[in-house]
Amino acid sequence: MSTPTDYLIDRRRLRRKLGWWRLAALIALGVAGLVAAVRLEGADSANKLTPHLAVLEIQGVITGDDDTVELIKKIGASNQAKALLLEIESPGGTTTGAERLYEELRRVAEKKPVVAVVGTVAASGAYIAALAADTIVARGNSLVGSIGVLFQYPNVSKLLNHWGVEVETIKSSPLKAAPNGFEPTSPAAREAVASLVADSYAWFKELVKQRRNLDDAELAKVSDGRVFTARQGVPLKLVDFIGGQREAVDWLVANKGVAKDLPVREWKKKSSLERLGLMGGAAGLARVAGLESVAELIEKTILLERSGELDGLLAIWQHSAAN
C-alpha cells in the first residue's frame, strides 16, 4: 500500500504532465492562428497583383489610426490599383484624425481617381474624408454634412458640492488644464475653448468651400451643423449624384478612362489574432485549462486594443443631441 508521501509525489507528477499538455495546447493554438493569418494575407495579396479597382472601407469613429493611413499609402503606391472606391460608413470622429485621412487620400488622388461612396452616413469628420475624393456618390437616403466642430466635457462640480467633495488644484496659470469638469468653467476658459472650436470650424468650412466649389451664400446654407439626405445634398452641391458602388464604377469608366469590367478588390487592414477571434479563443482555452491568470491577461489585452479615447476637438455627428 502506497504511503501518503508516494501519493503526493504521484499527484505532483500528474500536475506537471497536465501543465505541459495545457501549455502545448496553447502553443498549438497560437501556431494555428499564425498559419491562418499568413494564409489569409497571402490570398489577399495575390488578388492585388492584377489590375483592379481598390475598395477601402472607412467605418466607425475616425481617429486617423496608423493602420488605416498605411493602407491608404499602399493603395496609392500600387500600380495595379487603377482607382480607389472609398466606401464610407461613419458619423465622424476627431478633427485631427479626419484631417490626417483627408491629406493621405488627397495624395492618392494625385496619382489615381478616387470616388467616395457613402453608405448610411458620412457626417462631420467622415464628410471631411469624402471631400478628398474627385466625386461623392450617395444613396438617396444617405446622410451627409454635419459641418461643424464640438468640444464636450462633463461638469460634475455641482454634484461634488452636493456631496461635500472638493477637488483642490495647484497649477501654474489660470487656464492650465481648463476646463476640468471639477469646477465651474470660468469665462476665460470658455472663451479659450471657443477660440479652438472657431478656428477648426473655419478650417472645415474653407475646405468645404474649396472642394465643393461653393460661394459664401451656398456655404452658409450647409454649414450650420445639420445633416442632409443625399437627395437634399445634390442641389446643395454636397453630393455629386445618387447611387452606390455600381454607379461609382460607371462614373470612373465614363469620366476617368478606367477600363471597363475591372475586378473590384477590397483592401483590408492586416488581419490580427484578435480580429480572427483567436485571442478570444485562446482566453477561453486557457480558462478551460485552468490557467485563469493567462486568460485574464489575454482578455485585458483585447480590451486595451478595442478601447480608445477620443481626445481633442471632435467633428462627429451625434444624432441623440442637437447639432
Protein backbone atom coordinates (compact mmCIF):
# COMPACT_ATOMS: atom_id res chain seq x y z
CA MET A 1 0.00 0.00 0.00
CA SER A 2 1.44 3.37 -1.04
CA THR A 3 2.36 5.85 1.62
CA PRO A 4 0.88 9.39 1.75
CA THR A 5 4.27 10.65 0.57
CA ASP A 6 4.16 8.46 -2.54
CA TYR A 7 0.64 9.65 -3.21
CA LEU A 8 1.68 13.31 -3.05
CA ILE A 9 4.65 12.67 -5.37
CA ASP A 10 2.35 10.98 -7.90
CA ARG A 11 -0.03 13.93 -7.72
CA ARG A 12 2.77 16.41 -8.39
CA ARG A 13 3.94 14.38 -11.40
CA LEU A 14 0.40 14.26 -12.76
CA ARG A 15 0.06 18.02 -12.37
CA ARG A 16 3.32 18.61 -14.21
CA LYS A 17 2.14 16.42 -17.09
CA LEU A 18 -1.18 18.22 -17.27
CA GLY A 19 0.58 21.57 -17.16
CA TRP A 20 2.77 20.62 -20.11
CA TRP A 21 -0.27 19.45 -22.09
CA ARG A 22 -2.06 22.71 -21.34
CA LEU A 23 0.93 24.73 -22.47
CA ALA A 24 1.27 22.60 -25.61
CA ALA A 25 -2.40 23.18 -26.45
CA LEU A 26 -1.97 26.96 -26.14
CA ILE A 27 1.16 26.89 -28.29
CA ALA A 28 -0.62 24.80 -30.92
CA LEU A 29 -3.49 27.27 -30.97
CA GLY A 30 -1.09 30.16 -31.43
CA VAL A 31 0.74 28.41 -34.28
CA ALA A 32 -2.55 27.60 -36.00
CA GLY A 33 -3.58 31.23 -35.71
CA LEU A 34 -0.34 32.47 -37.23
CA VAL A 35 -0.64 30.00 -40.11
CA ALA A 36 -4.23 31.12 -40.75
CA ALA A 37 -3.19 34.77 -40.69
CA VAL A 38 -0.35 34.14 -43.15
CA ARG A 39 -2.62 32.22 -45.48
CA LEU A 40 -5.28 34.93 -45.36
CA GLU A 41 -2.72 37.63 -46.05
CA GLY A 42 -1.21 35.65 -48.87
CA ALA A 43 -4.55 35.06 -50.57
CA ASP A 44 -5.41 38.72 -50.25
CA SER A 45 -2.06 39.80 -51.69
CA ALA A 46 -2.46 37.53 -54.72
CA ASN A 47 -5.68 39.30 -55.66
CA LYS A 48 -3.82 42.62 -55.77
CA LEU A 49 -1.19 41.51 -58.30
CA THR A 50 -3.51 42.13 -61.26
CA PRO A 51 -5.23 45.37 -62.37
CA HIS A 52 -8.28 46.14 -60.25
CA LEU A 53 -10.37 48.81 -58.56
CA ALA A 54 -9.38 49.12 -54.91
CA VAL A 55 -12.09 49.37 -52.27
CA LEU A 56 -11.30 50.83 -48.87
CA GLU A 57 -13.92 50.93 -46.11
CA ILE A 58 -13.95 53.82 -43.64
CA GLN A 59 -16.22 52.66 -40.82
CA GLY A 60 -17.00 53.69 -37.26
CA VAL A 61 -15.35 56.51 -35.39
CA ILE A 62 -12.49 58.14 -37.29
CA THR A 63 -9.26 58.57 -35.36
CA GLY A 64 -6.72 58.65 -38.18
CA ASP A 65 -5.17 55.42 -36.92
CA ASP A 66 -1.84 54.25 -38.32
CA ASP A 67 -3.25 51.04 -39.82
CA THR A 68 -5.77 52.90 -41.98
CA VAL A 69 -3.22 55.50 -43.06
CA GLU A 70 -0.69 52.82 -44.02
CA LEU A 71 -3.34 51.03 -46.06
CA ILE A 72 -4.15 54.25 -47.92
CA LYS A 73 -0.45 54.73 -48.68
CA LYS A 74 -0.18 51.19 -50.04
CA ILE A 75 -3.16 51.72 -52.33
CA GLY A 76 -1.61 54.93 -53.59
CA ALA A 77 1.69 53.16 -54.29
CA SER A 78 0.12 50.15 -56.01
CA ASN A 79 0.44 50.18 -59.81
CA GLN A 80 -2.31 47.57 -60.05
CA ALA A 81 -4.93 49.62 -58.15
CA LYS A 82 -6.24 51.75 -61.00
CA ALA A 83 -8.70 53.73 -58.87
CA LEU A 84 -9.94 53.90 -55.29
CA LEU A 85 -13.52 53.43 -54.20
CA LEU A 86 -13.74 54.91 -50.72
CA GLU A 87 -16.79 53.35 -49.03
CA ILE A 88 -17.76 55.47 -46.04
CA GLU A 89 -19.99 54.45 -43.14
CA SER A 90 -19.13 56.81 -40.29
CA PRO A 91 -20.55 59.63 -38.13
CA GLY A 92 -17.10 61.26 -37.94
CA GLY A 93 -14.51 61.38 -35.20
CA THR A 94 -11.60 63.55 -34.16
CA THR A 95 -10.91 66.61 -36.25
CA THR A 96 -7.21 65.79 -36.40
CA GLY A 97 -7.90 62.18 -37.40
CA ALA A 98 -10.20 63.31 -40.21
CA GLU A 99 -7.60 65.84 -41.35
CA ARG A 100 -4.96 63.11 -41.49
CA LEU A 101 -7.19 60.86 -43.60
CA TYR A 102 -8.05 63.75 -45.91
CA GLU A 103 -4.40 64.59 -46.54
CA GLU A 104 -3.43 60.97 -47.27
CA LEU A 105 -6.42 60.49 -49.58
CA ARG A 106 -5.52 63.65 -51.48
CA ARG A 107 -2.06 62.20 -52.08
CA VAL A 108 -3.72 59.13 -53.59
CA ALA A 109 -5.97 61.34 -55.72
CA GLU A 110 -2.87 62.95 -57.24
CA LYS A 111 -1.95 59.54 -58.69
CA LYS A 112 -5.29 57.89 -59.48
CA PRO A 113 -9.05 58.60 -59.40
CA VAL A 114 -10.81 58.49 -56.03
CA VAL A 115 -14.57 58.20 -55.58
CA ALA A 116 -16.33 58.42 -52.21
CA VAL A 117 -19.32 56.08 -51.93
CA VAL A 118 -21.48 56.93 -48.93
CA GLY A 119 -23.48 54.25 -47.15
CA THR A 120 -25.86 55.23 -44.36
CA VAL A 121 -23.91 58.23 -43.14
CA ALA A 122 -20.81 60.30 -43.89
CA ALA A 123 -21.06 63.17 -41.43
CA SER A 124 -18.63 65.64 -39.90
CA GLY A 125 -15.15 64.06 -39.92
CA ALA A 126 -16.36 61.36 -42.33
CA TYR A 127 -17.53 64.07 -44.71
CA ILE A 128 -14.05 65.63 -44.44
CA ALA A 129 -12.67 62.31 -45.68
CA ALA A 130 -15.23 62.29 -48.52
CA LEU A 131 -14.10 65.76 -49.58
CA ALA A 132 -10.76 64.24 -50.61
CA ALA A 133 -12.46 62.32 -53.42
CA ASP A 134 -12.87 63.51 -57.00
CA THR A 135 -16.59 62.91 -56.71
CA ILE A 136 -19.08 61.92 -53.99
CA VAL A 137 -21.79 59.34 -54.59
CA ALA A 138 -24.51 58.54 -52.05
CA ARG A 139 -27.82 56.75 -51.75
CA GLY A 140 -30.87 58.99 -51.74
CA ASN A 141 -31.42 58.46 -48.02
CA SER A 142 -27.76 58.61 -47.02
CA LEU A 143 -26.92 61.33 -44.50
CA VAL A 144 -24.15 63.80 -45.27
CA GLY A 145 -22.95 67.12 -43.88
CA SER A 146 -22.92 68.00 -40.20
CA ILE A 147 -20.30 70.61 -40.98
CA GLY A 148 -19.12 71.75 -37.58
CA VAL A 149 -16.79 71.13 -34.66
CA LEU A 150 -17.52 70.50 -30.99
CA PHE A 151 -15.74 70.20 -27.68
CA GLN A 152 -17.55 68.38 -24.88
CA TYR A 153 -16.67 67.62 -21.30
CA PRO A 154 -18.74 66.60 -18.25
CA ASN A 155 -19.01 69.13 -15.44
CA VAL A 156 -19.67 67.46 -12.09
CA SER A 157 -18.90 70.43 -9.86
CA LYS A 158 -22.50 70.74 -8.59
CA LEU A 159 -22.61 67.03 -7.80
CA LEU A 160 -19.34 67.27 -5.87
CA ASN A 161 -20.64 70.27 -3.92
CA HIS A 162 -23.80 68.33 -3.06
CA TRP A 163 -21.70 65.56 -1.51
CA GLY A 164 -19.27 67.93 0.10
CA VAL A 165 -16.34 66.89 -2.09
CA GLU A 166 -13.78 69.47 -3.15
CA VAL A 167 -11.02 68.84 -5.68
CA GLU A 168 -8.05 71.04 -4.92
CA THR A 169 -5.72 72.00 -7.75
CA ILE A 170 -2.36 73.72 -7.83
CA LYS A 171 -1.44 74.93 -11.30
CA SER A 172 0.96 77.32 -12.96
CA SER A 173 -1.65 79.58 -14.55
CA PRO A 174 -5.45 80.07 -14.55
CA LEU A 175 -6.02 78.41 -17.94
CA LYS A 176 -3.82 75.36 -17.32
CA ALA A 177 -5.98 72.19 -17.57
CA ALA A 178 -9.10 74.29 -18.03
CA PRO A 179 -11.89 73.38 -18.27
CA ASN A 180 -11.52 70.36 -16.00
CA GLY A 181 -15.09 69.44 -15.05
CA PHE A 182 -14.43 69.61 -11.29
CA GLU A 183 -15.16 73.31 -11.02
CA PRO A 184 -17.42 75.80 -12.79
CA THR A 185 -15.96 76.84 -16.12
CA SER A 186 -14.63 80.39 -15.97
CA PRO A 187 -15.46 82.87 -18.75
CA ALA A 188 -11.78 82.94 -19.72
CA ALA A 189 -11.63 79.14 -20.02
CA ARG A 190 -14.84 79.05 -22.03
CA GLU A 191 -13.51 81.74 -24.35
CA ALA A 192 -10.23 79.85 -24.84
CA VAL A 193 -12.03 76.65 -25.83
CA ALA A 194 -14.44 78.57 -28.05
CA SER A 195 -11.48 80.02 -29.95
CA LEU A 196 -10.21 76.48 -30.65
CA VAL A 197 -13.61 75.40 -31.93
CA ALA A 198 -13.93 78.53 -34.08
CA ASP A 199 -10.51 78.02 -35.64
CA SER A 200 -11.19 74.38 -36.58
CA TYR A 201 -14.68 75.28 -37.78
CA ALA A 202 -13.26 77.97 -40.08
CA TRP A 203 -10.79 75.41 -41.47
CA PHE A 204 -13.62 72.90 -42.05
CA LYS A 205 -15.80 75.47 -43.84
CA GLU A 206 -12.96 76.63 -46.06
CA LEU A 207 -12.27 73.02 -47.01
CA VAL A 208 -15.92 72.51 -48.00
CA LYS A 209 -15.95 75.79 -49.90
CA GLN A 210 -12.87 74.92 -51.94
CA ARG A 211 -13.54 71.25 -52.59
CA ARG A 212 -17.23 71.67 -53.40
CA ASN A 213 -16.81 74.96 -55.28
CA LEU A 214 -19.30 76.92 -53.16
CA ASP A 215 -19.71 80.66 -52.82
CA ASP A 216 -20.29 82.29 -49.43
CA ALA A 217 -24.09 82.17 -49.71
CA GLU A 218 -24.07 78.47 -50.69
CA LEU A 219 -21.64 77.66 -47.88
CA ALA A 220 -23.85 79.39 -45.31
CA LYS A 221 -26.78 77.14 -46.27
CA VAL A 222 -24.91 73.92 -45.45
CA SER A 223 -22.54 74.86 -42.61
CA ASP A 224 -24.90 75.26 -39.65
CA GLY A 225 -24.17 71.76 -38.34
CA ARG A 226 -27.21 69.93 -39.66
CA VAL A 227 -27.18 66.75 -41.73
CA PHE A 228 -28.87 66.40 -45.10
CA THR A 229 -30.14 63.47 -47.09
CA ALA A 230 -28.21 62.91 -50.30
CA ARG A 231 -31.29 63.99 -52.26
CA GLN A 232 -31.10 67.31 -50.46
CA GLY A 233 -27.34 67.32 -50.80
CA VAL A 234 -27.23 67.15 -54.61
CA PRO A 235 -28.71 70.63 -55.27
CA LEU A 236 -26.69 71.95 -52.32
CA LYS A 237 -23.51 70.60 -54.01
CA LEU A 238 -22.61 68.37 -51.05
CA VAL A 239 -23.13 65.27 -53.22
CA ASP A 240 -22.49 64.86 -56.94
CA PHE A 241 -25.05 62.22 -57.79
CA ILE A 242 -27.24 59.49 -56.33
CA GLY A 243 -26.05 55.90 -56.44
CA GLY A 244 -23.78 53.26 -54.99
CA GLN A 245 -20.71 51.27 -56.00
CA ARG A 246 -22.10 50.34 -59.42
CA GLU A 247 -22.78 53.97 -60.32
CA ALA A 248 -19.37 54.97 -58.96
CA VAL A 249 -17.66 52.43 -61.23
CA ASP A 250 -19.69 53.64 -64.22
CA TRP A 251 -18.54 57.18 -63.47
CA LEU A 252 -14.90 56.08 -63.38
CA VAL A 253 -15.26 54.35 -66.74
CA ALA A 254 -17.04 57.29 -68.36
CA ASN A 255 -15.01 60.15 -66.87
CA LYS A 256 -11.59 58.84 -65.82
CA GLY A 257 -10.74 56.41 -68.58
CA VAL A 258 -10.78 53.41 -66.26
CA ALA A 259 -11.02 50.13 -68.13
CA LYS A 260 -14.45 48.56 -68.12
CA ASP A 261 -15.03 45.30 -66.21
CA LEU A 262 -12.00 45.66 -63.94
CA PRO A 263 -12.46 43.44 -60.87
CA VAL A 264 -13.20 45.13 -57.56
CA ARG A 265 -10.81 44.18 -54.75
CA GLU A 266 -11.32 45.08 -51.13
CA TRP A 267 -8.21 46.24 -49.30
CA LYS A 268 -8.34 45.39 -45.61
CA LYS A 269 -6.15 46.07 -42.63
CA LYS A 270 -3.71 43.27 -41.91
CA SER A 271 -5.52 40.52 -40.03
CA SER A 272 -4.62 40.31 -36.36
CA LEU A 273 -5.15 37.41 -33.97
CA GLU A 274 -7.80 39.43 -32.19
CA ARG A 275 -9.72 40.16 -35.43
CA LEU A 276 -9.61 36.46 -36.33
CA GLY A 277 -11.12 35.73 -32.94
CA LEU A 278 -8.12 33.63 -31.95
CA MET A 279 -7.19 35.69 -28.91
CA GLY A 280 -10.70 35.25 -27.57
CA GLY A 281 -10.43 31.53 -28.26
CA ALA A 282 -7.06 31.40 -26.55
CA ALA A 283 -8.54 33.08 -23.48
CA GLY A 284 -11.32 30.50 -23.37
CA LEU A 285 -8.90 27.61 -23.80
CA ALA A 286 -6.64 28.98 -21.08
CA ARG A 287 -9.59 29.18 -18.71
CA VAL A 288 -10.64 25.61 -19.52
CA ALA A 289 -7.07 24.51 -18.91
CA GLY A 290 -7.17 26.13 -15.50
CA LEU A 291 -4.79 28.96 -16.41
CA GLU A 292 -7.00 31.73 -15.07
CA SER A 293 -4.22 34.32 -14.86
CA VAL A 294 -3.28 33.73 -18.51
CA ALA A 295 -6.92 34.05 -19.58
CA GLU A 296 -7.30 37.33 -17.71
CA LEU A 297 -4.12 38.70 -19.30
CA ILE A 298 -5.36 37.84 -22.80
CA GLU A 299 -8.76 39.41 -22.12
CA LYS A 300 -7.17 42.59 -20.81
CA THR A 301 -5.06 42.79 -23.96
CA ILE A 302 -8.21 42.52 -26.10
CA LEU A 303 -9.93 45.25 -24.10
CA LEU A 304 -6.92 47.55 -24.42
CA GLU A 305 -6.83 47.02 -28.17
CA ARG A 306 -10.53 47.72 -28.56
CA SER A 307 -10.58 50.73 -26.29
CA GLY A 308 -9.60 54.18 -27.45
CA GLU A 309 -10.39 57.59 -26.11
CA LEU A 310 -11.32 60.49 -28.36
CA ASP A 311 -9.12 63.34 -27.26
CA GLY A 312 -9.16 66.88 -28.64
CA LEU A 313 -11.74 68.55 -30.85
CA LEU A 314 -14.40 66.39 -32.45
CA ALA A 315 -16.00 66.52 -35.86
CA ILE A 316 -18.72 63.97 -35.22
CA TRP A 317 -22.47 63.79 -35.71
CA GLN A 318 -24.38 62.82 -32.56
CA HIS A 319 -27.96 62.07 -33.51
CA SER A 320 -29.01 61.94 -29.84
CA ALA A 321 -28.04 65.57 -29.29
CA ALA A 322 -28.69 68.81 -31.04
CA ASN A 323 -26.02 69.87 -33.55
